[in-house]
C-alpha cells in the first residue's frame, strides 16, 4: 500500500481529502457542540476514555481534516490549527514557558512576534535574547540554559535562511526546544522537522491559504508536543480554528505545490532582471540549496534601493502591485519599510534590528510574470530622482 512518504507532496495534498461516502471535499461541520446517545458514552468522553468530538473549541472534524494533512505535509506526527498565525505562536510558547525561562530568538523576527516577546512575555519574567542567524548556527554554547530557540526560516524582512540541522544539533546538546516559522518556504520547499527541528508553525493566512481570504495558523510537531498544546493553551486561551476557515485552508492546500512553483518562477525572473538595474543595490531572496534542506524560493523577496529612488513615487506608479502588509496570496504586493517610520515610539522589530530604510518587500503573486515585471520596471523608471 502506498504511504504518504512514498508520494510527492503535490499528490498527497490533492489526494488526501474526502471521506468514506465518496466526497472529494470534506464537509463543513458548522456546529459548536456534539451530543451523545447514552450516559455511558458521555461519561467515557468526559473522562478521556474515548476521543469523539465534544466541543468545537477543542476539536472539530473539518479542522481535524486540515490538521491531519498539514501533519503529513510537514512530516510530523500531529498538528493543531489556530485562529491566526499569532495565536499559533503565542499558544505554542505559552505551553512550554514559565517565569525565569529564557528564549533565544533570531534577529529580524516578525514585528508582532517581537511585540509579543517584549510587551507580554518579558513582563511575565521570560528572559529574551536576540541573535544573528550565524551565531545560532556556529556557537554550540549559545543555547546553554535556553528553554526555547525561536527561528524564522527565512525571516520576515531580511529573508535570511538558517542552517536548521546545525541549529537543531546545537539545541539538542542543551535540551533546548526548537521552533521555526516555515511560512516563507511552506512544506513544498522546506520541511524543518526532517532536519531536527522540534516544532514548525505557519501563518496559514499566507501560502497555505493562498487566496487572501483566511486568517489562520497551524503548528506541527510530535504527538507529545502537540498533546501539551492541546491540553493547555488550545482550550484555555481559546484561539481555536473555525470550521469554515479550516475548509478554506483545505481548498488552499489542494493547489499549494502548483502555486509555490509559479511563485518561484516569477521570483527567479525578477531576480535575474533586478540584478541588471542600477537602482537595486542589494537583493534578499534565498534560493534552493543555499542552506541544507531548502529546496526552492518563494515569491517573497526584499530589495534595497539606491538613494536616488523616490520610493513613494515608485509605489504610486505601480498598477498591478498593491500596497499592503501581508503576503502569500494570488495578488502582488509591495511593502516599503519607510512607510512605517512615522509611528513614534513603536516597539517594532524592524527598528530594533536596523532594517534599512530603503528596503522594499515584494510579494510576487500569480499574475503573468512578464506583466508584473513590465509594471515594476516602469515604476522603477518613474521613481528615479
Protein backbone atom coordinates (compact mmCIF):
# COMPACT_ATOMS: atom_id res chain seq x y z
CA UNK A 1 0.00 0.00 0.00
CA UNK A 2 1.26 3.50 -0.86
CA UNK A 3 2.18 5.59 2.18
CA UNK A 4 2.50 9.38 2.47
CA UNK A 5 6.31 9.06 2.47
CA UNK A 6 6.11 7.40 -0.96
CA UNK A 7 4.05 10.20 -2.50
CA UNK A 8 5.17 13.50 -3.95
CA UNK A 9 3.76 16.32 -1.84
CA UNK A 10 1.56 17.54 -4.71
CA UNK A 11 -0.09 14.12 -4.87
CA UNK A 12 -0.51 13.93 -1.12
CA UNK A 13 -2.22 17.32 -0.98
CA UNK A 14 -4.53 16.51 -3.88
CA UNK A 15 -5.47 13.00 -2.79
CA UNK A 16 -5.68 13.29 0.97
CA UNK A 17 -9.16 14.69 1.50
CA UNK A 18 -12.66 13.31 1.22
CA UNK A 19 -14.49 10.70 3.26
CA UNK A 20 -15.92 7.21 3.11
CA UNK A 21 -19.04 8.50 1.36
CA UNK A 22 -17.06 9.26 -1.78
CA UNK A 23 -16.85 13.03 -1.47
CA UNK A 24 -13.63 14.68 -2.67
CA UNK A 25 -14.01 17.64 -0.30
CA UNK A 26 -14.61 17.23 3.44
CA UNK A 27 -17.87 18.73 4.72
CA UNK A 28 -18.02 21.79 6.92
CA UNK A 29 -19.14 20.76 10.40
CA UNK A 30 -20.55 24.14 11.40
CA UNK A 31 -21.50 23.18 14.92
CA UNK A 32 -20.40 24.38 18.33
CA UNK A 33 -21.03 21.12 20.21
CA UNK A 34 -21.71 17.41 19.86
CA UNK A 35 -24.23 15.27 21.74
CA UNK A 36 -24.12 11.67 22.91
CA UNK A 37 -26.69 8.89 22.72
CA UNK A 38 -26.06 7.37 26.13
CA UNK A 39 -24.87 8.39 29.58
CA UNK A 40 -22.03 5.88 29.33
CA UNK A 41 -20.77 7.32 26.03
CA UNK A 42 -20.90 10.82 27.54
CA UNK A 43 -19.05 9.74 30.69
CA UNK A 44 -16.40 7.92 28.66
CA UNK A 45 -15.71 11.03 26.60
CA UNK A 46 -15.58 13.37 29.60
CA UNK A 47 -13.11 11.07 31.29
CA UNK A 48 -10.89 10.70 28.26
CA UNK A 49 -11.67 7.08 27.52
CA UNK A 50 -12.84 8.00 24.01
CA UNK A 51 -11.90 10.82 21.65
CA UNK A 52 -15.22 11.59 19.95
CA UNK A 53 -15.84 15.30 19.23
CA UNK A 54 -17.16 17.12 22.29
CA UNK A 55 -16.96 20.87 21.71
CA UNK A 56 -15.61 22.81 18.72
CA UNK A 57 -13.29 24.92 20.85
CA UNK A 58 -11.38 21.67 21.38
CA UNK A 59 -11.95 19.64 18.23
CA UNK A 60 -13.97 19.71 15.03
CA UNK A 61 -13.97 17.21 12.13
CA UNK A 62 -13.34 19.85 9.46
CA UNK A 63 -10.47 21.30 11.46
CA UNK A 64 -9.14 17.79 12.07
CA UNK A 65 -9.09 17.13 8.32
CA UNK A 66 -6.88 20.17 7.78
CA UNK A 67 -4.64 19.32 10.74
CA UNK A 68 -4.15 15.75 9.55
CA UNK A 69 -2.91 16.77 6.12
CA UNK A 70 -0.69 19.55 7.49
CA UNK A 71 0.98 16.99 9.74
CA UNK A 72 1.64 14.74 6.75
CA UNK A 73 2.87 17.64 4.61
CA UNK A 74 5.42 18.68 7.24
CA UNK A 75 6.34 15.05 8.02
CA UNK A 76 5.17 15.46 11.61
CA UNK A 77 3.07 13.23 13.83
CA UNK A 78 0.31 15.70 14.67
CA UNK A 79 -0.89 19.25 14.10
CA UNK A 80 -3.20 21.78 15.71
CA UNK A 81 -4.91 24.70 13.98
CA UNK A 82 -5.41 28.20 15.36
CA UNK A 83 -7.38 31.34 14.55
CA UNK A 84 -4.26 33.23 13.39
CA UNK A 85 -0.53 32.89 12.99
CA UNK A 86 -0.02 34.93 16.15
CA UNK A 87 -2.36 32.58 18.03
CA UNK A 88 -0.21 29.68 16.86
CA UNK A 89 2.97 31.45 18.06
CA UNK A 90 1.63 32.61 21.42
CA UNK A 91 -0.17 29.35 22.22
CA UNK A 92 2.93 27.32 21.43
CA UNK A 93 5.28 29.47 23.51
CA UNK A 94 2.94 29.69 26.49
CA UNK A 95 2.50 25.92 26.53
CA UNK A 96 6.19 25.41 27.33
CA UNK A 97 7.39 28.54 29.14
CA UNK A 98 7.32 29.63 32.77
CA UNK A 99 8.76 32.68 34.55
CA UNK A 100 12.54 32.55 34.62
CA UNK A 101 12.87 30.64 31.36
CA UNK A 102 14.94 32.05 28.52
CA UNK A 103 14.16 32.29 24.80
CA UNK A 104 16.85 32.81 22.15
CA UNK A 105 15.30 34.50 19.12
CA UNK A 106 16.65 35.04 15.63
CA UNK A 107 17.17 38.66 14.65
CA UNK A 108 14.75 40.32 12.19
CA UNK A 109 11.85 38.36 13.64
CA UNK A 110 8.30 39.26 12.58
CA UNK A 111 7.27 42.55 14.19
CA UNK A 112 4.20 41.22 16.04
CA UNK A 113 6.17 38.24 17.33
CA UNK A 114 8.73 40.75 18.61
CA UNK A 115 5.99 42.74 20.32
CA UNK A 116 4.73 39.51 21.92
CA UNK A 117 8.20 38.82 23.30
CA UNK A 118 8.77 42.35 24.56
CA UNK A 119 5.32 43.54 25.65
CA UNK A 120 3.85 40.33 27.07
CA UNK A 121 6.46 37.65 27.74
CA UNK A 122 9.26 39.79 29.16
CA UNK A 123 6.98 41.45 31.77
CA UNK A 124 5.94 37.95 32.87
CA UNK A 125 9.53 37.09 33.72
CA UNK A 126 10.68 35.46 30.48
CA UNK A 127 14.24 36.37 29.51
CA UNK A 128 14.56 37.07 25.77
CA UNK A 129 17.83 37.41 23.87
CA UNK A 130 18.28 38.09 20.15
CA UNK A 131 20.98 36.58 17.97
CA UNK A 132 22.25 36.68 14.42
CA UNK A 133 21.44 33.56 12.43
CA UNK A 134 25.17 32.86 12.06
CA UNK A 135 25.61 32.88 15.85
CA UNK A 136 22.81 30.36 16.34
CA UNK A 137 24.43 28.16 13.69
CA UNK A 138 28.07 28.39 14.72
CA UNK A 139 28.19 28.86 18.50
CA UNK A 140 27.35 25.50 20.14
CA UNK A 141 27.38 27.05 23.62
CA UNK A 142 24.94 29.86 22.82
CA UNK A 143 21.85 27.79 23.66
CA UNK A 144 23.10 26.56 27.05
CA UNK A 145 20.35 27.24 29.59
CA UNK A 146 17.87 28.26 26.87
CA UNK A 147 14.39 26.72 27.04
CA UNK A 148 13.29 27.65 23.50
CA UNK A 149 15.14 28.72 20.35
CA UNK A 150 12.70 30.61 18.14
CA UNK A 151 13.54 30.88 14.43
CA UNK A 152 12.05 32.11 11.19
CA UNK A 153 13.35 30.47 8.02
CA UNK A 154 13.56 32.72 6.18
CA UNK A 155 12.94 35.70 8.47
CA UNK A 156 10.37 38.36 7.78
CA UNK A 157 12.08 41.34 6.14
CA UNK A 158 15.73 40.50 5.51
CA UNK A 159 14.81 36.96 4.38
CA UNK A 160 17.82 35.26 5.91
CA UNK A 161 17.70 31.46 5.77
CA UNK A 162 19.09 29.26 8.53
CA UNK A 163 21.10 26.06 8.60
CA UNK A 164 18.47 24.11 10.50
CA UNK A 165 20.48 20.87 11.03
CA UNK A 166 23.27 22.88 12.69
CA UNK A 167 20.95 24.81 14.97
CA UNK A 168 18.96 21.69 15.83
CA UNK A 169 22.14 19.84 16.81
CA UNK A 170 23.27 22.75 18.98
CA UNK A 171 19.87 22.84 20.65
CA UNK A 172 19.66 19.13 21.33
CA UNK A 173 23.02 19.25 23.11
CA UNK A 174 21.42 21.54 25.69
CA UNK A 175 17.86 20.18 25.78
CA UNK A 176 16.53 23.31 24.04
CA UNK A 177 13.20 23.12 22.20
CA UNK A 178 13.48 24.49 18.66
CA UNK A 179 10.58 26.27 16.96
CA UNK A 180 10.68 27.61 13.43
CA UNK A 181 8.19 29.61 11.42
CA UNK A 182 8.06 27.97 7.97
CA UNK A 183 5.55 30.37 6.40
CA UNK A 184 8.03 31.71 3.81
CA UNK A 185 9.09 28.38 2.27
CA UNK A 186 5.99 26.27 3.01
CA UNK A 187 6.36 22.48 3.21
CA UNK A 188 6.80 22.46 -0.58
CA UNK A 189 10.31 23.90 -0.28
CA UNK A 190 11.29 23.09 3.32
CA UNK A 191 10.33 20.55 5.97
CA UNK A 192 12.14 21.61 9.17
CA UNK A 193 11.07 18.59 11.25
CA UNK A 194 13.08 16.32 8.96
CA UNK A 195 16.19 18.33 9.90
CA UNK A 196 15.85 18.00 13.66
CA UNK A 197 13.61 20.98 14.48
CA UNK A 198 11.06 20.15 17.18
CA UNK A 199 8.09 22.37 16.24
CA UNK A 200 7.16 24.03 12.96
CA UNK A 201 4.45 26.65 12.66
CA UNK A 202 2.82 28.70 9.93
CA UNK A 203 0.81 31.79 9.45
CA UNK A 204 -1.64 29.77 7.37
CA UNK A 205 -3.07 33.07 6.12
CA UNK A 206 -0.10 33.16 3.74
CA UNK A 207 0.84 30.43 1.25
CA UNK A 208 -1.15 27.65 2.94
CA UNK A 209 -4.36 29.54 2.19
CA UNK A 210 -3.09 31.31 -0.90
CA UNK A 211 -6.32 33.22 -1.52
CA UNK A 212 -6.07 36.18 0.90
CA UNK A 213 -9.45 35.35 2.40
CA UNK A 214 -8.43 33.46 5.53
CA UNK A 215 -6.67 34.35 8.79
CA UNK A 216 -5.33 31.21 10.48
CA UNK A 217 -2.31 29.48 11.97
CA UNK A 218 -1.11 25.91 12.40
CA UNK A 219 1.52 24.09 14.47
CA UNK A 220 3.07 20.70 13.59
CA UNK A 221 5.24 18.56 15.84
CA UNK A 222 5.40 15.21 17.63
CA UNK A 223 2.33 13.71 19.27
CA UNK A 224 3.76 14.56 22.68
CA UNK A 225 4.44 18.24 21.95
CA UNK A 226 1.12 18.79 20.20
CA UNK A 227 -0.56 16.97 23.10
CA UNK A 228 0.84 19.55 25.51
CA UNK A 229 -0.50 22.41 23.40
CA UNK A 230 -3.90 20.72 23.08
CA UNK A 231 -4.10 20.13 26.80
CA UNK A 232 -3.02 23.60 27.94
CA UNK A 233 -3.23 26.53 25.59
CA UNK A 234 -5.65 25.44 22.87
CA UNK A 235 -8.61 25.01 25.25
CA UNK A 236 -7.62 27.60 27.85
CA UNK A 237 -6.63 30.50 25.60
CA UNK A 238 -9.43 29.64 23.20
CA UNK A 239 -7.82 30.75 19.92
CA UNK A 240 -9.27 27.80 18.02
CA UNK A 241 -9.51 27.47 14.25
CA UNK A 242 -13.09 27.78 12.97
CA UNK A 243 -14.52 25.06 10.69
CA UNK A 244 -15.19 27.39 7.76
CA UNK A 245 -11.62 28.72 7.83
CA UNK A 246 -10.36 25.13 8.03
CA UNK A 247 -12.42 24.27 4.96
CA UNK A 248 -10.88 27.23 3.09
CA UNK A 249 -7.42 26.02 4.10
CA UNK A 250 -8.22 22.55 2.78
CA UNK A 251 -9.05 24.24 -0.54
CA UNK A 252 -5.76 26.12 -0.43
CA UNK A 253 -3.69 23.01 0.22
CA UNK A 254 -5.01 21.43 -2.99
CA UNK A 255 -3.03 23.87 -5.11
CA UNK A 256 -0.14 24.70 -2.76
CA UNK A 257 2.51 22.84 -4.73
CA UNK A 258 1.50 24.35 -8.09
CA UNK A 259 1.19 27.85 -6.64
CA UNK A 260 4.59 27.71 -4.92
CA UNK A 261 6.27 26.69 -8.14
CA UNK A 262 4.69 29.56 -10.04
CA UNK A 263 5.67 32.00 -7.28
CA UNK A 264 9.22 30.66 -7.55
CA UNK A 265 9.34 31.02 -11.33
CA UNK A 266 8.21 34.64 -11.10
CA UNK A 267 10.72 35.35 -8.33
CA UNK A 268 13.56 33.95 -10.44
CA UNK A 269 12.56 36.13 -13.39
CA UNK A 270 12.54 39.18 -11.12
CA UNK A 271 15.89 38.30 -9.57
CA UNK A 272 17.54 37.93 -12.97
CA UNK A 273 16.19 41.28 -14.15
CA UNK A 274 16.66 43.20 -10.91
CA UNK A 275 20.34 42.23 -10.99
CA UNK A 276 20.76 44.42 -14.07
CA UNK A 277 19.13 47.51 -12.56
CA UNK A 278 21.42 50.15 -11.03
CA UNK A 279 18.59 51.30 -8.76
CA UNK A 280 18.81 47.98 -6.85
CA UNK A 281 21.84 47.88 -4.58
CA UNK A 282 21.04 44.65 -2.70
CA UNK A 283 18.56 41.79 -3.07
CA UNK A 284 17.39 39.37 -0.38
CA UNK A 285 15.95 36.06 -1.60
CA UNK A 286 17.49 32.73 -0.53
CA UNK A 287 17.43 30.12 -3.27
CA UNK A 288 17.43 26.36 -3.45
CA UNK A 289 20.34 24.72 -1.60
CA UNK A 290 21.55 28.00 -0.09
CA UNK A 291 21.16 26.15 3.22
CA UNK A 292 20.62 22.43 3.83
CA UNK A 293 17.03 21.35 3.27
CA UNK A 294 15.87 24.42 1.35
CA UNK A 295 14.57 23.12 -1.99
CA UNK A 296 13.32 26.34 -3.56
CA UNK A 297 12.43 30.01 -3.10
CA UNK A 298 9.03 31.55 -2.57
CA UNK A 299 7.62 34.69 -4.14
CA UNK A 300 8.52 36.91 -1.18
CA UNK A 301 11.72 38.91 -1.66
CA UNK A 302 13.22 42.19 -0.48
CA UNK A 303 15.32 44.76 -2.29
CA UNK A 304 17.34 47.70 -1.08
CA UNK A 305 17.01 50.67 -3.42
CA UNK A 306 19.54 53.36 -4.20
CA UNK A 307 19.20 56.74 -2.54
CA UNK A 308 18.16 58.35 -5.82
CA UNK A 309 14.95 56.33 -5.95
CA UNK A 310 11.85 58.13 -4.69
CA UNK A 311 10.10 55.19 -3.03
CA UNK A 312 6.67 56.86 -2.57
CA UNK A 313 6.71 57.87 -6.25
CA UNK A 314 7.67 54.33 -7.25
CA UNK A 315 4.86 52.85 -5.15
CA UNK A 316 2.26 55.23 -6.57
CA UNK A 317 3.34 54.44 -10.15
CA UNK A 318 2.56 50.73 -9.79
CA UNK A 319 -0.56 49.40 -11.48
CA UNK A 320 -0.54 45.67 -10.69
CA UNK A 321 1.26 45.73 -7.33
CA UNK A 322 -0.84 46.91 -4.39
CA UNK A 323 0.34 48.44 -1.14
CA UNK A 324 -0.31 46.01 1.71
CA UNK A 325 1.17 44.36 4.78
CA UNK A 326 0.55 40.67 4.16
CA UNK A 327 1.81 38.25 1.50
CA UNK A 328 1.39 34.75 0.11
CA UNK A 329 -1.82 35.30 -1.85
CA UNK A 330 -2.63 35.37 -5.54
CA UNK A 331 -2.13 39.15 -5.72
CA UNK A 332 1.19 41.01 -5.87
CA UNK A 333 2.01 43.40 -3.03
CA UNK A 334 4.66 45.95 -2.18
CA UNK A 335 5.66 46.93 1.37
CA UNK A 336 8.01 49.94 1.56
CA UNK A 337 9.53 49.75 5.04
CA UNK A 338 9.86 53.54 5.24
CA UNK A 339 6.05 53.84 5.23
CA UNK A 340 6.09 52.79 8.90
CA UNK A 341 8.82 55.13 10.07
CA UNK A 342 6.34 57.71 11.35
CA UNK A 343 4.95 55.52 14.15
CA UNK A 344 6.54 57.31 17.08
CA UNK A 345 7.50 55.05 19.94
CA UNK A 346 6.52 51.91 18.08
CA UNK A 347 8.07 48.77 19.57
CA UNK A 348 8.89 47.29 16.18
CA UNK A 349 11.43 44.64 15.27
CA UNK A 350 12.27 46.48 12.05
CA UNK A 351 13.66 49.39 14.06
CA UNK A 352 15.17 47.21 16.78
CA UNK A 353 17.31 45.37 14.21
CA UNK A 354 18.15 48.33 11.97
CA UNK A 355 16.33 47.23 8.85
CA UNK A 356 17.46 49.59 6.05
CA UNK A 357 15.06 52.49 5.50
CA UNK A 358 15.32 51.95 1.73
CA UNK A 359 14.14 48.33 1.94
CA UNK A 360 11.12 47.37 -0.14
CA UNK A 361 9.49 43.96 0.19
CA UNK A 362 7.75 42.42 -2.79
CA UNK A 363 5.21 39.62 -2.63
CA UNK A 364 5.01 38.25 -6.16
CA UNK A 365 1.58 36.81 -6.88
CA UNK A 366 0.15 34.61 -9.59
CA UNK A 367 -0.21 37.22 -12.32
CA UNK A 368 1.80 36.75 -15.51
CA UNK A 369 5.47 37.28 -14.64
CA UNK A 370 6.23 39.46 -17.65
CA UNK A 371 3.23 41.67 -16.92
CA UNK A 372 4.43 42.11 -13.36
CA UNK A 373 7.94 42.95 -14.49
CA UNK A 374 6.71 45.50 -17.04
CA UNK A 375 4.73 47.18 -14.26
CA UNK A 376 7.62 47.17 -11.80
CA UNK A 377 10.20 48.31 -14.34
CA UNK A 378 8.01 51.26 -15.34
CA UNK A 379 7.61 52.19 -11.67
CA UNK A 380 11.40 51.98 -11.15
CA UNK A 381 11.87 54.38 -14.01
CA UNK A 382 9.19 56.71 -12.64
CA UNK A 383 10.80 56.68 -9.21
CA UNK A 384 14.26 57.79 -10.28
CA UNK A 385 15.06 61.25 -8.99
